Amino acid sequence: MGKFSMSRFFGIDDDYDETTDYQQPDDRETSNQQPVETPAPRRNGGKVVSINAPRPSMNKIALFEPRLYSDVQEIASRLIKDQAVIVNLGRIEKGQARRIIDFLTGTVFAIEGDIERVGDQIFLCTPRNFEIKGDISANLNDKLN
């Protein structure tokens, strides 16, 4: 058997001559030309994203007015799919409404989301990629009292 050579493994012959002549561009020719800049890819959360990449789908907010406790499963599945949800509990019994809010509180906790009361019986549930700004609760408490 012959001697193992890394250069032969990568397809470079042992007799390869590394003294390749490169021509330097003439300074006079490049002084009149504008440098060509290639656009750098945008960064999105540590991921390289091409400028020409398709845009992500539009964020959606689903509206729900549950009439049964079992409707909470559909609401939770929307949250898991990174959709915000507005829930109006005006048409459900108070005890079932409390159970729905408990279930949704656990769901948003699991997905690192948030739940905010935005009306008398209306709640906004958001996954982690949404940010809620403002304080409706303070205004809401003034109107309810």
Protein backbone atom coordinates (compact mmCIF):
# COMPACT_ATOMS: atom_id res chain seq x y z
CA MET A 1 0.00 0.00 0.00
CA GLY A 2 1.09 3.50 -0.73
CA LYS A 3 1.47 6.47 1.55
CA PHE A 4 -1.81 8.21 2.52
CA SER A 5 -1.83 11.84 1.43
CA MET A 6 -4.46 14.36 2.44
CA SER A 7 -3.85 16.36 -0.70
CA ARG A 8 -4.49 13.27 -2.83
CA PHE A 9 -7.65 12.56 -0.78
CA PHE A 10 -9.02 16.00 -1.69
CA GLY A 11 -8.03 15.58 -5.33
CA ILE A 12 -4.91 17.73 -5.26
CA ASP A 13 -1.86 16.14 -6.74
CA ASP A 14 1.35 16.11 -4.68
CA ASP A 15 3.08 17.92 -7.53
CA TYR A 16 0.60 20.81 -7.32
CA ASP A 17 2.36 24.14 -7.68
CA GLU A 18 0.99 26.76 -5.33
CA THR A 19 2.84 29.61 -7.01
CA THR A 20 0.02 30.74 -9.24
CA ASP A 21 0.45 34.22 -10.68
CA TYR A 22 -2.45 36.56 -10.16
CA GLN A 23 -2.76 39.76 -12.12
CA GLN A 24 -3.32 42.85 -10.09
CA PRO A 25 -5.80 45.30 -11.61
CA ASP A 26 -4.34 48.55 -12.78
CA ASP A 27 -5.08 51.39 -10.33
CA ARG A 28 -5.87 53.75 -13.22
CA GLU A 29 -8.66 51.51 -14.47
CA THR A 30 -10.36 51.12 -11.09
CA SER A 31 -10.14 54.78 -10.06
CA ASN A 32 -12.94 55.76 -12.48
CA GLN A 33 -15.19 52.85 -11.56
CA GLN A 34 -17.62 52.93 -8.65
CA PRO A 35 -17.26 50.05 -6.23
CA VAL A 36 -20.00 47.49 -6.62
CA GLU A 37 -21.75 46.71 -3.37
CA THR A 38 -23.74 43.57 -2.96
CA PRO A 39 -26.61 43.84 -0.49
CA ALA A 40 -25.96 42.03 2.75
CA PRO A 41 -28.61 39.56 3.85
CA ARG A 42 -30.92 40.75 6.61
CA ARG A 43 -30.72 39.06 9.98
CA ASN A 44 -33.88 37.85 11.69
CA GLY A 45 -33.37 36.45 15.18
CA GLY A 46 -29.95 35.03 14.37
CA LYS A 47 -31.10 33.52 11.06
CA VAL A 48 -29.88 34.80 7.72
CA VAL A 49 -32.83 35.82 5.57
CA SER A 50 -32.53 36.62 1.90
CA ILE A 51 -33.84 39.99 0.80
CA ASN A 52 -35.82 38.28 -1.94
CA ALA A 53 -37.28 35.64 0.38
CA PRO A 54 -41.05 35.40 0.50
CA ARG A 55 -42.58 37.40 3.29
CA PRO A 56 -44.00 35.51 6.22
CA SER A 57 -47.75 35.13 6.26
CA MET A 58 -49.73 37.95 7.78
CA ASN A 59 -50.43 37.75 11.49
CA LYS A 60 -54.06 37.02 12.23
CA ILE A 61 -56.33 37.60 15.20
CA ALA A 62 -59.14 35.10 15.66
CA LEU A 63 -62.40 36.15 17.33
CA PHE A 64 -64.32 33.68 19.49
CA GLU A 65 -67.58 33.85 21.37
CA PRO A 66 -67.75 30.42 23.05
CA ARG A 67 -71.11 29.00 24.07
CA LEU A 68 -69.78 25.72 25.48
CA TYR A 69 -66.70 24.88 27.53
CA SER A 70 -65.55 22.50 24.76
CA ASP A 71 -65.03 25.51 22.45
CA VAL A 72 -61.86 26.28 24.42
CA GLN A 73 -59.96 23.55 22.53
CA GLU A 74 -60.29 25.44 19.23
CA ILE A 75 -59.20 28.67 20.93
CA ALA A 76 -56.12 26.98 22.41
CA SER A 77 -55.19 25.39 19.06
CA ARG A 78 -55.19 28.85 17.44
CA LEU A 79 -52.83 30.11 20.14
CA ILE A 80 -50.52 27.14 19.60
CA LYS A 81 -50.47 28.04 15.87
CA ASP A 82 -49.14 31.52 16.83
CA GLN A 83 -52.42 33.38 16.29
CA ALA A 84 -53.74 35.98 18.69
CA VAL A 85 -57.27 35.40 19.94
CA ILE A 86 -59.96 37.73 21.27
CA VAL A 87 -62.49 35.86 23.41
CA ASN A 88 -65.91 37.32 24.28
CA LEU A 89 -67.41 35.43 27.22
CA GLY A 90 -70.69 37.38 27.20
CA ARG A 91 -72.81 34.41 26.08
CA ILE A 92 -71.63 31.72 28.48
CA GLU A 93 -72.43 30.93 32.11
CA LYS A 94 -70.11 32.53 34.64
CA GLY A 95 -68.73 29.21 35.99
CA GLN A 96 -67.88 27.93 32.51
CA ALA A 97 -66.35 31.30 31.61
CA ARG A 98 -64.05 31.01 34.64
CA ARG A 99 -63.00 27.49 33.55
CA ILE A 100 -62.28 28.76 30.02
CA ILE A 101 -60.09 31.56 31.38
CA ASP A 102 -58.24 29.07 33.60
CA PHE A 103 -57.62 26.80 30.61
CA LEU A 104 -56.44 29.68 28.41
CA THR A 105 -54.19 31.00 31.18
CA GLY A 106 -52.47 27.61 31.27
CA THR A 107 -52.21 27.56 27.48
CA VAL A 108 -50.59 30.99 27.20
CA PHE A 109 -48.23 30.12 30.05
CA ALA A 110 -47.14 26.96 28.20
CA ILE A 111 -46.43 28.87 24.97
CA GLU A 112 -44.89 31.86 26.80
CA GLY A 113 -47.74 34.08 25.67
CA ASP A 114 -49.94 36.57 27.47
CA ILE A 115 -53.60 37.08 28.38
CA GLU A 116 -55.13 40.50 29.02
CA ARG A 117 -58.62 41.59 29.95
CA VAL A 118 -59.71 44.22 27.42
CA GLY A 119 -63.40 44.48 28.22
CA ASP A 120 -66.03 43.49 30.76
CA GLN A 121 -66.04 39.88 29.53
CA ILE A 122 -63.52 40.18 26.68
CA PHE A 123 -59.97 38.81 26.81
CA LEU A 124 -57.03 39.09 24.44
CA CYS A 125 -54.76 36.02 24.34
CA THR A 126 -51.48 36.30 22.46
CA PRO A 127 -48.62 33.91 21.70
CA ARG A 128 -45.03 34.93 22.43
CA ASN A 129 -44.44 36.66 19.09
CA PHE A 130 -46.99 39.39 19.92
CA GLU A 131 -46.45 42.38 22.16
CA ILE A 132 -49.28 44.11 23.96
CA LYS A 133 -48.69 47.82 24.55
CA GLY A 134 -50.80 50.11 26.67
CA ASP A 135 -52.91 49.60 29.75
CA ILE A 136 -56.58 49.09 29.04
CA SER A 137 -57.14 47.48 32.43
CA ALA A 138 -56.76 50.78 34.28
CA ASN A 139 -59.38 52.43 32.07
CA LEU A 140 -61.59 49.37 32.28
CA ASN A 141 -61.60 49.38 36.11
CA ASP A 142 -62.65 53.06 36.14
CA LYS A 143 -65.64 52.33 33.84
CA LEU A 144 -66.76 49.21 35.75
CA ASN A 145 -66.81 50.93 39.16
